[in-house]
Amino acid sequence: MSAAPTAPVPPLLLPMPDDDPADCSDSRCAEFDCPELLRGELTDLRRAVAGDPPETHLPPPGEADRARHRWFVGHHAAFAVWQLQARALQAMAVTPEPPTQRAVRRAAALYDAYSVLFLYSGSCSPEQYAAVVRPHMSAAHPAFSGAWARDHAPVPAALRLVRARHPASVLAPLTRAARDNQRAHMAVANKLVPSGGSLLEEAGRQTADLTTAAEHDLYDAYFGVRRRQVCRPGFEAQLVRRLAQCASDIVVHGLGPSPDGCPERFTHDALSVLTALAEHIAARQEPTPLLPKEVTR
């Protein structure tokens, strides 16, 4: 079985969650102008939001192929967002003074972006999910699970540290975004699998079970993730391309109604949430703080 969807989605090059960005002078970057790639992807995203999506960014025709496309592209973008979330939260966790409101809003915006991406990934009908997406994952492994995503593991741990170390009043926007993210996650899961049984549970396992390195690797392989050092502009260019693909798809085909229990702002403001993340990348002059090595998971 091929792990790729019908409409080819390029492999996503990601560092391991704890790895620092590579230097752009690395020999693997020699054939690319990574900052120029990033500028081009930002231009494509702006075109899409303005109602002129590039043809190269549109999903394949047909509901089944579009469901697979959204599942893969949405997850790719989420993996990159998770790495940004971990860095933002861990930087806040090791700061002795309460974080600035700018830092809190930035972390909250990343949660909102992931909420929209999860909504986008799971925007197909329950029937399409049962017929197209779920069997594809099950064929890769009977217990295939999102719990095997190595990029997400640092996020909840870092959020717990932030909440333990800083006043709740300062963290209010982040707390709201994290709560709304949980609501969106549960709403999409309940819509797609009304019975509530995940592949992992049906295989007799629990999300608390220890994930093996082989399962992390299988999850990466399924979604076409290749682990290697990546420079910061190269990382950001890949993320913005996926955001532009999501935006192009939403502009043409819509996102559909909010699932029951999902905050409606994620559906109504989907494009602005994705654009805000990309514009933050475009406006940033200084590198995002690297992962603090002293933070434990």
Protein backbone atom coordinates (compact mmCIF):
# COMPACT_ATOMS: atom_id res chain seq x y z
CA MET A 1 0.00 0.00 0.00
CA SER A 2 1.29 3.45 -0.88
CA ALA A 3 1.33 5.94 1.98
CA ALA A 4 0.75 8.86 -0.35
CA PRO A 5 -2.71 10.22 -1.14
CA THR A 6 -4.06 10.16 -4.70
CA ALA A 7 -2.99 13.78 -5.24
CA PRO A 8 0.76 13.70 -4.50
CA VAL A 9 1.79 15.76 -1.51
CA PRO A 10 5.55 16.43 -1.40
CA PRO A 11 7.44 14.93 1.54
CA LEU A 12 7.72 17.19 4.57
CA LEU A 13 11.29 17.72 5.76
CA LEU A 14 11.32 18.25 9.51
CA PRO A 15 13.98 18.22 12.20
CA MET A 16 13.46 16.09 15.27
CA PRO A 17 11.49 18.08 17.86
CA ASP A 18 14.59 18.79 19.98
CA ASP A 19 16.88 19.76 17.10
CA ASP A 20 17.96 23.33 16.48
CA PRO A 21 17.48 24.76 12.98
CA ALA A 22 20.37 24.15 10.61
CA ASP A 23 22.53 26.91 9.20
CA CYS A 24 21.43 28.02 5.72
CA SER A 25 25.05 27.64 4.63
CA ASP A 26 24.66 23.87 5.08
CA SER A 27 25.52 22.07 1.85
CA ARG A 28 21.97 20.68 1.66
CA CYS A 29 20.68 24.25 1.27
CA ALA A 30 23.17 25.14 -1.46
CA GLU A 31 20.79 24.33 -4.31
CA PHE A 32 17.99 26.47 -2.87
CA ASP A 33 17.48 30.10 -1.93
CA CYS A 34 15.40 29.33 1.16
CA PRO A 35 14.46 32.95 1.99
CA GLU A 36 13.34 33.42 -1.61
CA LEU A 37 11.30 30.21 -1.42
CA LEU A 38 9.62 31.57 1.70
CA ARG A 39 8.80 34.88 0.00
CA GLY A 40 7.26 33.01 -2.92
CA GLU A 41 5.08 30.87 -0.66
CA LEU A 42 3.89 33.97 1.22
CA THR A 43 2.93 35.54 -2.11
CA ASP A 44 0.95 32.41 -3.05
CA LEU A 45 -0.87 32.48 0.29
CA ARG A 46 -1.85 36.10 -0.16
CA ARG A 47 -3.09 35.33 -3.67
CA ALA A 48 -5.23 32.52 -2.33
CA VAL A 49 -6.79 34.62 0.42
CA ALA A 50 -7.50 37.37 -2.12
CA GLY A 51 -9.53 34.89 -4.16
CA ASP A 52 -6.91 33.97 -6.78
CA PRO A 53 -5.51 30.63 -5.55
CA PRO A 54 -2.61 29.21 -7.58
CA GLU A 55 -3.67 26.18 -9.64
CA THR A 56 -0.74 24.24 -8.19
CA HIS A 57 -2.22 24.61 -4.70
CA LEU A 58 -5.72 23.34 -5.43
CA PRO A 59 -6.81 19.87 -4.26
CA PRO A 60 -7.71 17.10 -6.70
CA PRO A 61 -11.29 16.84 -7.96
CA GLY A 62 -13.66 14.42 -6.29
CA GLU A 63 -14.74 14.16 -2.66
CA ALA A 64 -12.68 11.07 -1.85
CA ASP A 65 -9.44 12.47 -3.25
CA ARG A 66 -10.08 15.81 -1.57
CA ALA A 67 -10.65 14.06 1.77
CA ARG A 68 -7.27 12.33 1.47
CA HIS A 69 -5.61 15.54 0.34
CA ARG A 70 -6.97 17.50 3.31
CA TRP A 71 -5.96 14.76 5.73
CA PHE A 72 -2.35 14.85 4.56
CA VAL A 73 -1.85 18.56 3.94
CA GLY A 74 -3.62 19.55 7.16
CA HIS A 75 -1.48 17.15 9.17
CA HIS A 76 1.72 18.38 7.53
CA ALA A 77 0.93 21.94 8.56
CA ALA A 78 -0.03 20.79 12.06
CA PHE A 79 3.31 19.01 12.56
CA ALA A 80 5.18 22.24 11.85
CA VAL A 81 2.81 24.24 14.05
CA TRP A 82 3.38 21.78 16.90
CA GLN A 83 7.11 22.44 16.72
CA LEU A 84 6.46 26.18 16.88
CA GLN A 85 4.05 25.67 19.79
CA ALA A 86 6.63 23.67 21.73
CA ARG A 87 9.29 26.34 21.22
CA ALA A 88 6.96 29.16 22.24
CA LEU A 89 5.65 27.38 25.32
CA GLN A 90 9.02 26.10 26.49
CA ALA A 91 10.51 29.58 26.17
CA MET A 92 7.69 30.88 28.39
CA ALA A 93 8.14 28.04 30.87
CA VAL A 94 11.80 28.83 31.60
CA THR A 95 11.25 32.59 31.98
CA PRO A 96 11.19 33.49 35.69
CA GLU A 97 9.08 36.60 35.13
CA PRO A 98 5.51 36.34 33.80
CA PRO A 99 5.50 36.27 30.00
CA THR A 100 4.60 39.36 28.04
CA GLN A 101 1.13 39.64 26.58
CA ARG A 102 2.75 39.49 23.15
CA ALA A 103 4.25 36.08 23.99
CA VAL A 104 0.93 34.85 25.41
CA ARG A 105 -1.00 36.02 22.35
CA ARG A 106 1.57 34.36 20.09
CA ALA A 107 1.17 31.03 21.88
CA ALA A 108 -2.62 31.39 21.78
CA ALA A 109 -2.51 32.12 18.03
CA LEU A 110 -0.56 28.91 17.46
CA TYR A 111 -3.24 26.94 19.31
CA ASP A 112 -5.89 28.61 17.15
CA ALA A 113 -3.95 27.74 14.00
CA TYR A 114 -3.77 24.10 15.04
CA SER A 115 -7.51 24.12 15.79
CA VAL A 116 -8.27 25.36 12.26
CA LEU A 117 -5.87 22.81 10.75
CA PHE A 118 -7.51 19.97 12.66
CA LEU A 119 -10.92 21.19 11.53
CA TYR A 120 -9.62 21.33 7.94
CA SER A 121 -8.02 17.87 8.13
CA GLY A 122 -11.23 16.30 9.39
CA SER A 123 -13.70 18.31 7.32
CA CYS A 124 -14.88 15.35 5.25
CA SER A 125 -18.16 13.61 6.00
CA PRO A 126 -18.29 10.67 8.44
CA GLU A 127 -19.06 8.45 5.45
CA GLN A 128 -15.97 9.59 3.55
CA TYR A 129 -13.84 9.20 6.66
CA ALA A 130 -15.09 5.63 7.20
CA ALA A 131 -14.70 4.68 3.54
CA VAL A 132 -11.50 6.51 2.59
CA VAL A 133 -9.36 7.85 5.44
CA ARG A 134 -9.74 5.34 8.27
CA PRO A 135 -9.13 2.21 6.14
CA HIS A 136 -6.01 3.85 4.68
CA MET A 137 -4.57 4.32 8.18
CA SER A 138 -5.67 0.88 9.32
CA ALA A 139 -3.87 -0.67 6.36
CA ALA A 140 -0.67 1.01 7.53
CA HIS A 141 -1.16 -0.42 11.06
CA PRO A 142 -4.30 -1.80 12.77
CA ALA A 143 -3.66 0.39 15.83
CA PHE A 144 -2.59 3.51 13.93
CA SER A 145 -2.91 6.49 16.25
CA GLY A 146 -2.31 10.21 16.47
CA ALA A 147 -0.67 9.42 19.81
CA TRP A 148 2.32 8.29 17.75
CA ALA A 149 3.00 11.82 16.47
CA ARG A 150 6.41 12.70 17.89
CA ASP A 151 6.02 16.45 17.27
CA HIS A 152 2.98 16.78 19.52
CA ALA A 153 4.44 15.13 22.62
CA PRO A 154 6.31 18.22 23.91
CA VAL A 155 3.30 20.55 23.59
CA PRO A 156 1.02 19.43 26.47
CA ALA A 157 4.02 18.93 28.75
CA ALA A 158 5.25 22.46 28.09
CA LEU A 159 1.75 23.90 28.60
CA ARG A 160 1.56 22.22 32.02
CA LEU A 161 4.87 23.84 32.99
CA VAL A 162 3.69 27.27 31.82
CA ARG A 163 0.47 26.96 33.83
CA ALA A 164 2.38 25.82 36.93
CA ARG A 165 4.87 28.68 36.81
CA HIS A 166 2.85 31.75 35.78
CA PRO A 167 -0.35 33.47 37.03
CA ALA A 168 -3.60 32.33 35.46
CA SER A 169 -4.62 35.95 34.93
CA VAL A 170 -1.64 36.52 32.64
CA LEU A 171 -2.30 33.33 30.69
CA ALA A 172 -6.03 33.91 30.09
CA PRO A 173 -5.81 34.16 26.24
CA LEU A 174 -3.66 31.03 26.09
CA THR A 175 -5.98 29.14 28.43
CA ARG A 176 -8.98 30.03 26.29
CA ALA A 177 -7.20 28.96 23.09
CA ALA A 178 -6.12 25.64 24.63
CA ARG A 179 -9.65 25.00 25.89
CA ASP A 180 -11.16 25.83 22.51
CA ASN A 181 -8.61 23.56 20.85
CA GLN A 182 -9.76 20.67 23.02
CA ARG A 183 -13.39 21.45 22.14
CA ALA A 184 -12.55 21.49 18.43
CA HIS A 185 -10.63 18.22 18.70
CA MET A 186 -13.48 16.45 20.46
CA ALA A 187 -16.07 17.89 18.06
CA VAL A 188 -14.22 16.64 14.97
CA ALA A 189 -13.55 13.24 16.55
CA ASN A 190 -17.21 12.82 17.54
CA LYS A 191 -18.34 13.81 14.05
CA LEU A 192 -15.99 11.45 12.22
CA VAL A 193 -16.32 8.48 14.58
CA PRO A 194 -19.73 8.70 16.31
CA SER A 195 -19.10 5.36 18.00
CA GLY A 196 -16.09 6.87 19.74
CA GLY A 197 -13.77 3.93 19.10
CA SER A 198 -10.31 4.78 17.77
CA LEU A 199 -8.16 2.30 15.87
CA LEU A 200 -5.85 2.19 18.88
CA GLU A 201 -8.70 1.27 21.23
CA GLU A 202 -10.15 -1.26 18.82
CA ALA A 203 -6.73 -2.92 18.77
CA GLY A 204 -6.91 -3.29 22.56
CA ARG A 205 -4.49 -0.51 23.45
CA GLN A 206 -4.75 2.81 25.30
CA THR A 207 -3.37 6.27 24.49
CA ALA A 208 -1.38 6.09 27.73
CA ASP A 209 0.57 3.09 26.43
CA LEU A 210 4.22 3.83 25.73
CA THR A 211 4.82 4.67 22.07
CA THR A 212 7.81 2.88 20.56
CA ALA A 213 10.39 4.39 18.26
CA ALA A 214 9.13 2.08 15.52
CA GLU A 215 5.61 3.51 15.92
CA HIS A 216 6.93 7.08 15.73
CA ASP A 217 8.79 6.11 12.57
CA LEU A 218 5.75 4.41 11.07
CA TYR A 219 3.65 7.52 11.72
CA ASP A 220 6.27 9.67 10.01
CA ALA A 221 6.49 7.29 7.05
CA TYR A 222 2.72 7.20 6.62
CA PHE A 223 2.47 10.97 6.36
CA GLY A 224 5.60 11.35 4.25
CA VAL A 225 7.71 13.06 6.91
CA ARG A 226 11.47 12.83 6.50
CA ARG A 227 13.62 13.73 9.48
CA ARG A 228 16.72 15.81 8.85
CA GLN A 229 18.14 19.17 9.82
CA VAL A 230 16.30 22.05 8.17
CA CYS A 231 17.19 25.74 8.14
CA ARG A 232 14.65 28.13 9.60
CA PRO A 233 13.56 29.72 6.27
CA GLY A 234 13.28 26.24 4.74
CA PHE A 235 11.10 25.07 7.62
CA GLU A 236 8.91 28.16 7.39
CA ALA A 237 8.59 27.92 3.59
CA GLN A 238 7.22 24.39 3.90
CA LEU A 239 4.72 25.47 6.54
CA VAL A 240 3.53 28.49 4.55
CA ARG A 241 3.13 26.33 1.44
CA ARG A 242 0.79 24.00 3.36
CA LEU A 243 -1.10 26.98 4.74
CA ALA A 244 -1.46 28.31 1.20
CA GLN A 245 -2.75 24.92 0.05
CA CYS A 246 -5.31 24.90 2.86
CA ALA A 247 -6.37 28.46 2.09
CA SER A 248 -6.66 27.74 -1.65
CA ASP A 249 -8.87 24.74 -0.95
CA ILE A 250 -11.07 26.64 1.52
CA VAL A 251 -11.52 29.57 -0.89
CA VAL A 252 -12.73 27.24 -3.66
CA HIS A 253 -14.56 24.49 -1.76
CA GLY A 254 -15.33 25.98 1.65
CA LEU A 255 -14.70 24.42 5.02
CA GLY A 256 -18.21 23.29 5.78
CA PRO A 257 -20.23 23.89 8.95
CA SER A 258 -18.69 23.67 12.39
CA PRO A 259 -19.17 20.24 13.98
CA ASP A 260 -21.40 20.22 17.04
CA GLY A 261 -19.47 21.59 20.00
CA CYS A 262 -16.72 23.24 17.96
CA PRO A 263 -16.22 26.98 18.52
CA GLU A 264 -17.70 28.62 15.44
CA ARG A 265 -14.92 31.18 15.25
CA PHE A 266 -12.62 28.53 13.80
CA THR A 267 -14.92 28.09 10.81
CA HIS A 268 -15.81 31.76 10.39
CA ASP A 269 -12.23 33.01 10.84
CA ALA A 270 -10.30 30.09 9.31
CA LEU A 271 -8.58 32.11 6.61
CA SER A 272 -7.66 34.99 8.91
CA VAL A 273 -6.22 32.58 11.51
CA LEU A 274 -4.02 30.87 8.93
CA THR A 275 -3.00 34.18 7.36
CA ALA A 276 -2.10 35.69 10.75
CA LEU A 277 0.33 32.84 11.40
CA ALA A 278 1.98 33.33 8.01
CA GLU A 279 2.17 37.10 8.38
CA HIS A 280 3.86 36.67 11.75
CA ILE A 281 6.49 34.58 9.98
CA ALA A 282 6.83 37.25 7.29
CA ALA A 283 7.20 40.07 9.82
CA ARG A 284 9.58 38.36 12.19
CA GLN A 285 13.05 39.87 12.06
CA GLU A 286 14.76 37.82 14.73
CA PRO A 287 14.90 34.01 15.00
CA THR A 288 12.34 32.31 17.19
CA PRO A 289 14.06 31.22 20.44
CA LEU A 290 15.50 27.76 20.16
CA LEU A 291 14.15 24.93 22.26
CA PRO A 292 15.48 25.38 25.80
CA LYS A 293 17.41 22.19 26.47
CA GLU A 294 16.74 22.30 30.20
CA VAL A 295 12.98 21.84 29.78
CA THR A 296 11.95 18.26 30.43
CA ARG A 297 8.94 16.58 28.92
